[in-house]
Amino acid sequence: MIEMRKNRALGCRVYEPTPKDIRRACEEIQTRWSPRERAKRDRGPRATWWTPPMIRLSDLVEALNGEWADRPPYASAAGNEADR
């Protein structure tokens, strides 16, 4: 049974579900899911927090130096624009 509560700010009765009400409704909906639907919606274990990947500055510098080493140097500062 959905319980209606009186909203103090508005002074009228509105549906304001508690976390327990929401959890119970979700569980009821999920009981009707087929195995295929349950597998589709399964997101696996959830991390409690996200941390950014750690990158060593030396690895980044080496990668950039490798990219620059593969590029041909400019012929000159006043060289042909098509060569750039």
PDB file of N, CA and C in Angstrom:
ATOM      1  N   MET A   1       0.840  -1.182   0.000  1.00  0.00           N
ATOM      2  CA  MET A   1       0.000   0.000   0.000  1.00  0.00           C
ATOM      3  C   MET A   1       0.885   1.246   0.000  1.00  0.00           C
ATOM      4  N   ILE A   2       0.584   2.156  -0.867  1.00  0.00           N
ATOM      5  CA  ILE A   2       1.334   3.405  -0.957  1.00  0.00           C
ATOM      6  C   ILE A   2       0.823   4.357   0.112  1.00  0.00           C
ATOM      7  N   GLU A   3       1.740   4.817   0.930  1.00  0.00           N
ATOM      8  CA  GLU A   3       1.360   5.719   2.010  1.00  0.00           C
ATOM      9  C   GLU A   3       1.546   7.162   1.572  1.00  0.00           C
ATOM     10  N   MET A   4       0.529   7.962   1.792  1.00  0.00           N
ATOM     11  CA  MET A   4       0.593   9.385   1.471  1.00  0.00           C
ATOM     12  C   MET A   4       0.981  10.135   2.741  1.00  0.00           C
ATOM     13  N   ARG A   5       1.897  11.058   2.602  1.00  0.00           N
ATOM     14  CA  ARG A   5       2.331  11.861   3.736  1.00  0.00           C
ATOM     15  C   ARG A   5       1.968  13.324   3.496  1.00  0.00           C
ATOM     16  N   LYS A   6       1.750  14.034   4.556  1.00  0.00           N
ATOM     17  CA  LYS A   6       1.426  15.458   4.424  1.00  0.00           C
ATOM     18  C   LYS A   6       2.730  16.241   4.277  1.00  0.00           C
ATOM     19  N   ASN A   7       2.831  16.985   3.191  1.00  0.00           N
ATOM     20  CA  ASN A   7       3.989  17.820   2.944  1.00  0.00           C
ATOM     21  C   ASN A   7       3.845  19.085   3.778  1.00  0.00           C
ATOM     22  N   ARG A   8       4.823  19.338   4.641  1.00  0.00           N
ATOM     23  CA  ARG A   8       4.725  20.488   5.550  1.00  0.00           C
ATOM     24  C   ARG A   8       4.838  21.810   4.814  1.00  0.00           C
ATOM     25  N   ALA A   9       5.658  21.854   3.768  1.00  0.00           N
ATOM     26  CA  ALA A   9       5.851  23.107   3.046  1.00  0.00           C
ATOM     27  C   ALA A   9       4.618  23.473   2.226  1.00  0.00           C
ATOM     28  N   LEU A  10       4.026  22.479   1.580  1.00  0.00           N
ATOM     29  CA  LEU A  10       2.890  22.746   0.702  1.00  0.00           C
ATOM     30  C   LEU A  10       1.549  22.624   1.417  1.00  0.00           C
ATOM     31  N   GLY A  11       1.525  21.882   2.535  1.00  0.00           N
ATOM     32  CA  GLY A  11       0.293  21.732   3.287  1.00  0.00           C
ATOM     33  C   GLY A  11      -0.692  20.760   2.654  1.00  0.00           C
ATOM     34  N   CYS A  12      -0.248  19.951   1.721  1.00  0.00           N
ATOM     35  CA  CYS A  12      -1.139  18.970   1.094  1.00  0.00           C
ATOM     36  C   CYS A  12      -0.501  17.584   1.181  1.00  0.00           C
ATOM     37  N   ARG A  13      -1.311  16.586   0.881  1.00  0.00           N
ATOM     38  CA  ARG A  13      -0.813  15.216   0.937  1.00  0.00           C
ATOM     39  C   ARG A  13      -0.164  14.856  -0.395  1.00  0.00           C
ATOM     40  N   VAL A  14       1.070  14.366  -0.333  1.00  0.00           N
ATOM     41  CA  VAL A  14       1.813  13.990  -1.523  1.00  0.00           C
ATOM     42  C   VAL A  14       2.507  12.659  -1.263  1.00  0.00           C
ATOM     43  N   TYR A  15       2.878  12.006  -2.339  1.00  0.00           N
ATOM     44  CA  TYR A  15       3.603  10.740  -2.221  1.00  0.00           C
ATOM     45  C   TYR A  15       5.079  11.044  -2.094  1.00  0.00           C
ATOM     46  N   GLU A  16       5.652  10.759  -0.928  1.00  0.00           N
ATOM     47  CA  GLU A  16       7.073  10.937  -0.668  1.00  0.00           C
ATOM     48  C   GLU A  16       7.602   9.615  -0.138  1.00  0.00           C
ATOM     49  N   PRO A  17       8.084   8.742  -1.048  1.00  0.00           N
ATOM     50  CA  PRO A  17       8.521   7.416  -0.601  1.00  0.00           C
ATOM     51  C   PRO A  17       9.814   7.495   0.217  1.00  0.00           C
ATOM     52  N   THR A  18       9.901   6.613   1.182  1.00  0.00           N
ATOM     53  CA  THR A  18      11.126   6.498   1.973  1.00  0.00           C
ATOM     54  C   THR A  18      12.101   5.616   1.197  1.00  0.00           C
ATOM     55  N   PRO A  19      13.373   5.614   1.557  1.00  0.00           N
ATOM     56  CA  PRO A  19      14.319   4.691   0.899  1.00  0.00           C
ATOM     57  C   PRO A  19      13.852   3.234   0.981  1.00  0.00           C
ATOM     58  N   LYS A  20      13.231   2.868   2.096  1.00  0.00           N
ATOM     59  CA  LYS A  20      12.715   1.503   2.250  1.00  0.00           C
ATOM     60  C   LYS A  20      11.591   1.234   1.242  1.00  0.00           C
ATOM     61  N   ASP A  21      10.701   2.205   1.030  1.00  0.00           N
ATOM     62  CA  ASP A  21       9.625   2.070   0.050  1.00  0.00           C
ATOM     63  C   ASP A  21      10.184   1.896  -1.361  1.00  0.00           C
ATOM     64  N   ILE A  22      11.192   2.686  -1.685  1.00  0.00           N
ATOM     65  CA  ILE A  22      11.800   2.616  -3.023  1.00  0.00           C
ATOM     66  C   ILE A  22      12.465   1.267  -3.235  1.00  0.00           C
ATOM     67  N   ARG A  23      13.219   0.811  -2.229  1.00  0.00           N
ATOM     68  CA  ARG A  23      13.894  -0.488  -2.328  1.00  0.00           C
ATOM     69  C   ARG A  23      12.878  -1.616  -2.513  1.00  0.00           C
ATOM     70  N   ARG A  24      11.789  -1.569  -1.758  1.00  0.00           N
ATOM     71  CA  ARG A  24      10.749  -2.601  -1.846  1.00  0.00           C
ATOM     72  C   ARG A  24      10.105  -2.599  -3.240  1.00  0.00           C
ATOM     73  N   ALA A  25       9.818  -1.413  -3.787  1.00  0.00           N
ATOM     74  CA  ALA A  25       9.218  -1.314  -5.123  1.00  0.00           C
ATOM     75  C   ALA A  25      10.181  -1.834  -6.191  1.00  0.00           C
ATOM     76  N   CYS A  26      11.462  -1.504  -6.061  1.00  0.00           N
ATOM     77  CA  CYS A  26      12.452  -1.995  -7.029  1.00  0.00           C
ATOM     78  C   CYS A  26      12.540  -3.515  -6.998  1.00  0.00           C
ATOM     79  N   GLU A  27      12.568  -4.076  -5.802  1.00  0.00           N
ATOM     80  CA  GLU A  27      12.634  -5.534  -5.678  1.00  0.00           C
ATOM     81  C   GLU A  27      11.404  -6.196  -6.292  1.00  0.00           C
ATOM     82  N   GLU A  28      10.236  -5.591  -6.104  1.00  0.00           N
ATOM     83  CA  GLU A  28       9.000  -6.134  -6.683  1.00  0.00           C
ATOM     84  C   GLU A  28       9.064  -6.106  -8.214  1.00  0.00           C
ATOM     85  N   ILE A  29       9.550  -5.024  -8.775  1.00  0.00           N
ATOM     86  CA  ILE A  29       9.682  -4.915 -10.235  1.00  0.00           C
ATOM     87  C   ILE A  29      10.674  -5.949 -10.752  1.00  0.00           C
ATOM     88  N   GLN A  30      11.794  -6.112 -10.053  1.00  0.00           N
ATOM     89  CA  GLN A  30      12.840  -7.022 -10.506  1.00  0.00           C
ATOM     90  C   GLN A  30      12.422  -8.486 -10.446  1.00  0.00           C
ATOM     91  N   THR A  31      11.428  -8.820  -9.616  1.00  0.00           N
ATOM     92  CA  THR A  31      10.963 -10.217  -9.570  1.00  0.00           C
ATOM     93  C   THR A  31      10.299 -10.623 -10.878  1.00  0.00           C
ATOM     94  N   ARG A  32       9.828  -9.650 -11.667  1.00  0.00           N
ATOM     95  CA  ARG A  32       9.166  -9.944 -12.939  1.00  0.00           C
ATOM     96  C   ARG A  32      10.141  -9.984 -14.116  1.00  0.00           C
ATOM     97  N   TRP A  33      11.422  -9.703 -13.878  1.00  0.00           N
ATOM     98  CA  TRP A  33      12.400  -9.716 -14.963  1.00  0.00           C
ATOM     99  C   TRP A  33      12.716 -11.140 -15.398  1.00  0.00           C
ATOM    100  N   SER A  34      12.871 -11.322 -16.690  1.00  0.00           N
ATOM    101  CA  SER A  34      13.316 -12.616 -17.218  1.00  0.00           C
ATOM    102  C   SER A  34      14.818 -12.734 -16.970  1.00  0.00           C
ATOM    103  N   PRO A  35      15.378 -13.948 -17.075  1.00  0.00           N
ATOM    104  CA  PRO A  35      16.833 -14.089 -16.929  1.00  0.00           C
ATOM    105  C   PRO A  35      17.594 -13.228 -17.947  1.00  0.00           C
ATOM    106  N   ARG A  36      17.036 -13.109 -19.144  1.00  0.00           N
ATOM    107  CA  ARG A  36      17.689 -12.284 -20.167  1.00  0.00           C
ATOM    108  C   ARG A  36      17.699 -10.805 -19.767  1.00  0.00           C
ATOM    109  N   GLU A  37      16.566 -10.325 -19.261  1.00  0.00           N
ATOM    110  CA  GLU A  37      16.480  -8.929 -18.822  1.00  0.00           C
ATOM    111  C   GLU A  37      17.422  -8.676 -17.644  1.00  0.00           C
ATOM    112  N   ARG A  38      17.471  -9.620 -16.709  1.00  0.00           N
ATOM    113  CA  ARG A  38      18.353  -9.479 -15.551  1.00  0.00           C
ATOM    114  C   ARG A  38      19.811  -9.414 -16.000  1.00  0.00           C
ATOM    115  N   ALA A  39      20.208 -10.251 -16.958  1.00  0.00           N
ATOM    116  CA  ALA A  39      21.582 -10.242 -17.470  1.00  0.00           C
ATOM    117  C   ALA A  39      21.879  -8.929 -18.189  1.00  0.00           C
ATOM    118  N   LYS A  40      20.890  -8.420 -18.927  1.00  0.00           N
ATOM    119  CA  LYS A  40      21.079  -7.164 -19.656  1.00  0.00           C
ATOM    120  C   LYS A  40      21.306  -5.994 -18.700  1.00  0.00           C
ATOM    121  N   ARG A  41      20.621  -6.019 -17.579  1.00  0.00           N
ATOM    122  CA  ARG A  41      20.712  -4.912 -16.628  1.00  0.00           C
ATOM    123  C   ARG A  41      21.831  -5.072 -15.602  1.00  0.00           C
ATOM    124  N   ASP A  42      22.447  -6.238 -15.545  1.00  0.00           N
ATOM    125  CA  ASP A  42      23.515  -6.485 -14.574  1.00  0.00           C
ATOM    126  C   ASP A  42      24.747  -5.676 -14.950  1.00  0.00           C
ATOM    127  N   ARG A  43      25.206  -4.866 -14.043  1.00  0.00           N
ATOM    128  CA  ARG A  43      26.371  -4.018 -14.304  1.00  0.00           C
ATOM    129  C   ARG A  43      27.612  -4.539 -13.600  1.00  0.00           C
ATOM    130  N   GLY A  44      27.518  -5.681 -12.979  1.00  0.00           N
ATOM    131  CA  GLY A  44      28.669  -6.232 -12.288  1.00  0.00           C
ATOM    132  C   GLY A  44      28.920  -5.520 -10.966  1.00  0.00           C
ATOM    133  N   PRO A  45      30.016  -5.890 -10.320  1.00  0.00           N
ATOM    134  CA  PRO A  45      30.308  -5.243  -9.033  1.00  0.00           C
ATOM    135  C   PRO A  45      30.630  -3.768  -9.229  1.00  0.00           C
ATOM    136  N   ARG A  46      30.187  -2.982  -8.320  1.00  0.00           N
ATOM    137  CA  ARG A  46      30.397  -1.537  -8.414  1.00  0.00           C
ATOM    138  C   ARG A  46      31.511  -1.123  -7.460  1.00  0.00           C
ATOM    139  N   ALA A  47      32.378  -0.277  -7.942  1.00  0.00           N
ATOM    140  CA  ALA A  47      33.433   0.260  -7.091  1.00  0.00           C
ATOM    141  C   ALA A  47      32.825   1.271  -6.127  1.00  0.00           C
ATOM    142  N   THR A  48      33.408   1.377  -4.962  1.00  0.00           N
ATOM    143  CA  THR A  48      32.883   2.330  -3.997  1.00  0.00           C
ATOM    144  C   THR A  48      33.331   3.741  -4.327  1.00  0.00           C
ATOM    145  N   TRP A  49      34.419   3.876  -5.068  1.00  0.00           N
ATOM    146  CA  TRP A  49      34.864   5.188  -5.511  1.00  0.00           C
ATOM    147  C   TRP A  49      35.721   5.026  -6.746  1.00  0.00           C
ATOM    148  N   TRP A  50      35.887   6.100  -7.477  1.00  0.00           N
ATOM    149  CA  TRP A  50      36.692   6.093  -8.681  1.00  0.00           C
ATOM    150  C   TRP A  50      37.967   6.875  -8.410  1.00  0.00           C
ATOM    151  N   THR A  51      39.076   6.330  -8.868  1.00  0.00           N
ATOM    152  CA  THR A  51      40.334   7.052  -8.751  1.00  0.00           C
ATOM    153  C   THR A  51      40.932   7.199 -10.144  1.00  0.00           C
ATOM    154  N   PRO A  52      41.492   8.332 -10.433  1.00  0.00           N
ATOM    155  CA  PRO A  52      42.087   8.519 -11.759  1.00  0.00           C
ATOM    156  C   PRO A  52      43.315   7.637 -11.921  1.00  0.00           C
ATOM    157  N   PRO A  53      43.633   7.275 -13.163  1.00  0.00           N
ATOM    158  CA  PRO A  53      44.826   6.455 -13.375  1.00  0.00           C
ATOM    159  C   PRO A  53      46.076   7.251 -13.012  1.00  0.00           C
ATOM    160  N   MET A  54      47.081   6.545 -12.519  1.00  0.00           N
ATOM    161  CA  MET A  54      48.333   7.203 -12.175  1.00  0.00           C
ATOM    162  C   MET A  54      49.275   7.120 -13.370  1.00  0.00           C
ATOM    163  N   ILE A  55      49.867   8.228 -13.714  1.00  0.00           N
ATOM    164  CA  ILE A  55      50.776   8.305 -14.851  1.00  0.00           C
ATOM    165  C   ILE A  55      52.101   8.870 -14.357  1.00  0.00           C
ATOM    166  N   ARG A  56      53.169   8.159 -14.672  1.00  0.00           N
ATOM    167  CA  ARG A  56      54.487   8.679 -14.316  1.00  0.00           C
ATOM    168  C   ARG A  56      54.901   9.708 -15.355  1.00  0.00           C
ATOM    169  N   LEU A  57      55.405  10.832 -14.910  1.00  0.00           N
ATOM    170  CA  LEU A  57      55.820  11.904 -15.798  1.00  0.00           C
ATOM    171  C   LEU A  57      56.906  11.419 -16.757  1.00  0.00           C
ATOM    172  N   SER A  58      57.797  10.572 -16.275  1.00  0.00           N
ATOM    173  CA  SER A  58      58.875  10.079 -17.139  1.00  0.00           C
ATOM    174  C   SER A  58      58.313   9.265 -18.310  1.00  0.00           C
ATOM    175  N   ASP A  59      57.249   8.492 -18.079  1.00  0.00           N
ATOM    176  CA  ASP A  59      56.623   7.731 -19.177  1.00  0.00           C
ATOM    177  C   ASP A  59      56.011   8.674 -20.206  1.00  0.00           C
ATOM    178  N   LEU A  60      55.397   9.740 -19.739  1.00  0.00           N
ATOM    179  CA  LEU A  60      54.794  10.715 -20.637  1.00  0.00           C
ATOM    180  C   LEU A  60      55.860  11.411 -21.481  1.00  0.00           C
ATOM    181  N   VAL A  61      56.970  11.803 -20.859  1.00  0.00           N
ATOM    182  CA  VAL A  61      58.055  12.463 -21.581  1.00  0.00           C
ATOM    183  C   VAL A  61      58.646  11.525 -22.622  1.00  0.00           C
ATOM    184  N   GLU A  62      58.852  10.261 -22.250  1.00  0.00           N
ATOM    185  CA  GLU A  62      59.389   9.280 -23.205  1.00  0.00           C
ATOM    186  C   GLU A  62      58.447   9.095 -24.390  1.00  0.00           C
ATOM    187  N   ALA A  63      57.166   9.051 -24.142  1.00  0.00           N
ATOM    188  CA  ALA A  63      56.191   8.878 -25.220  1.00  0.00           C
ATOM    189  C   ALA A  63      56.212  10.079 -26.159  1.00  0.00           C
ATOM    190  N   LEU A  64      56.268  11.273 -25.589  1.00  0.00           N
ATOM    191  CA  LEU A  64      56.312  12.471 -26.422  1.00  0.00           C
ATOM    192  C   LEU A  64      57.608  12.539 -27.219  1.00  0.00           C
ATOM    193  N   ASN A  65      58.705  12.203 -26.589  1.00  0.00           N
ATOM    194  CA  ASN A  65      59.982  12.204 -27.304  1.00  0.00           C
ATOM    195  C   ASN A  65      59.978  11.193 -28.440  1.00  0.00           C
ATOM    196  N   GLY A  66      59.328  10.069 -28.241  1.00  0.00           N
ATOM    197  CA  GLY A  66      59.216   9.063 -29.294  1.00  0.00           C
ATOM    198  C   GLY A  66      58.406   9.568 -30.475  1.00  0.00           C
ATOM    199  N   GLU A  67      57.337  10.303 -30.201  1.00  0.00           N
ATOM    200  CA  GLU A  67      56.528  10.874 -31.285  1.00  0.00           C
ATOM    201  C   GLU A  67      57.328  11.918 -32.052  1.00  0.00           C
ATOM    202  N   TRP A  68      58.049  12.748 -31.346  1.00  0.00           N
ATOM    203  CA  TRP A  68      58.827  13.803 -32.002  1.00  0.00           C
ATOM    204  C   TRP A  68      59.984  13.216 -32.803  1.00  0.00           C
ATOM    205  N   ALA A  69      60.529  12.101 -32.338  1.00  0.00           N
ATOM    206  CA  ALA A  69      61.652  11.483 -33.048  1.00  0.00           C
ATOM    207  C   ALA A  69      61.193  10.911 -34.384  1.00  0.00           C
ATOM    208  N   ASP A  70      59.915  10.532 -34.490  1.00  0.00           N
ATOM    209  CA  ASP A  70      59.394   9.949 -35.729  1.00  0.00           C
ATOM    210  C   ASP A  70      59.032  11.001 -36.769  1.00  0.00           C
ATOM    211  N   ARG A  71      58.963  12.273 -36.385  1.00  0.00           N
ATOM    212  CA  ARG A  71      58.581  13.330 -37.322  1.00  0.00           C
ATOM    213  C   ARG A  71      59.826  13.877 -38.024  1.00  0.00           C
ATOM    214  N   PRO A  72      59.709  14.163 -39.295  1.00  0.00           N
ATOM    215  CA  PRO A  72      60.854  14.797 -39.972  1.00  0.00           C
ATOM    216  C   PRO A  72      60.982  16.246 -39.529  1.00  0.00           C
ATOM    217  N   PRO A  73      62.197  16.710 -39.311  1.00  0.00           N
ATOM    218  CA  PRO A  73      62.372  18.102 -38.897  1.00  0.00           C
ATOM    219  C   PRO A  73      62.078  19.036 -40.064  1.00  0.00           C
ATOM    220  N   TYR A  74      61.708  20.270 -39.735  1.00  0.00           N
ATOM    221  CA  TYR A  74      61.460  21.264 -40.774  1.00  0.00           C
ATOM    222  C   TYR A  74      62.776  21.606 -41.458  1.00  0.00           C
ATOM    223  N   ALA A  75      62.711  21.864 -42.764  1.00  0.00           N
ATOM    224  CA  ALA A  75      63.930  22.196 -43.520  1.00  0.00           C
ATOM    225  C   ALA A  75      64.519  23.495 -43.013  1.00  0.00           C
ATOM    226  N   SER A  76      63.710  24.491 -42.842  1.00  0.00           N
ATOM    227  CA  SER A  76      64.166  25.758 -42.285  1.00  0.00           C
ATOM    228  C   SER A  76      62.948  26.551 -41.852  1.00  0.00           C
ATOM    229  N   ALA A  77      63.200  27.606 -41.130  1.00  0.00           N
ATOM    230  CA  ALA A  77      62.088  28.433 -40.663  1.00  0.00           C
ATOM    231  C   ALA A  77      61.392  29.124 -41.820  1.00  0.00           C
ATOM    232  N   ALA A  78      62.120  29.432 -42.881  1.00  0.00           N
ATOM    233  CA  ALA A  78      61.540  30.120 -44.038  1.00  0.00           C
ATOM    234  C   ALA A  78      61.299  29.136 -45.168  1.00  0.00           C
ATOM    235  N   GLY A  79      61.210  27.844 -44.880  1.00  0.00           N
ATOM    236  CA  GLY A  79      61.070  26.825 -45.915  1.00  0.00           C
ATOM    237  C   GLY A  79      59.701  26.852 -46.571  1.00  0.00           C
ATOM    238  N   ASN A  80      59.504  25.953 -47.487  1.00  0.00           N
ATOM    239  CA  ASN A  80      58.266  25.839 -48.246  1.00  0.00           C
ATOM    240  C   ASN A  80      57.130  25.421 -47.301  1.00  0.00           C
ATOM    241  N   GLU A  81      56.001  26.103 -47.369  1.00  0.00           N
ATOM    242  CA  GLU A  81      54.867  25.795 -46.524  1.00  0.00           C
ATOM    243  C   GLU A  81      54.294  24.407 -46.818  1.00  0.00           C
ATOM    244  N   ALA A  82      54.437  23.935 -48.044  1.00  0.00           N
ATOM    245  CA  ALA A  82      53.937  22.612 -48.411  1.00  0.00           C
ATOM    246  C   ALA A  82      54.726  21.509 -47.718  1.00  0.00           C
ATOM    247  N   ASP A  83      55.973  21.770 -47.350  1.00  0.00           N
ATOM    248  CA  ASP A  83      56.788  20.775 -46.679  1.00  0.00           C
ATOM    249  C   ASP A  83      56.393  20.598 -45.213  1.00  0.00           C
ATOM    250  N   ARG A  84      55.688  21.529 -44.665  1.00  0.00           N
ATOM    251  CA  ARG A  84      55.338  21.463 -43.236  1.00  0.00           C
ATOM    252  C   ARG A  84      54.202  20.547 -42.987  1.00  0.00           C
TER     253      ARG A  84
END
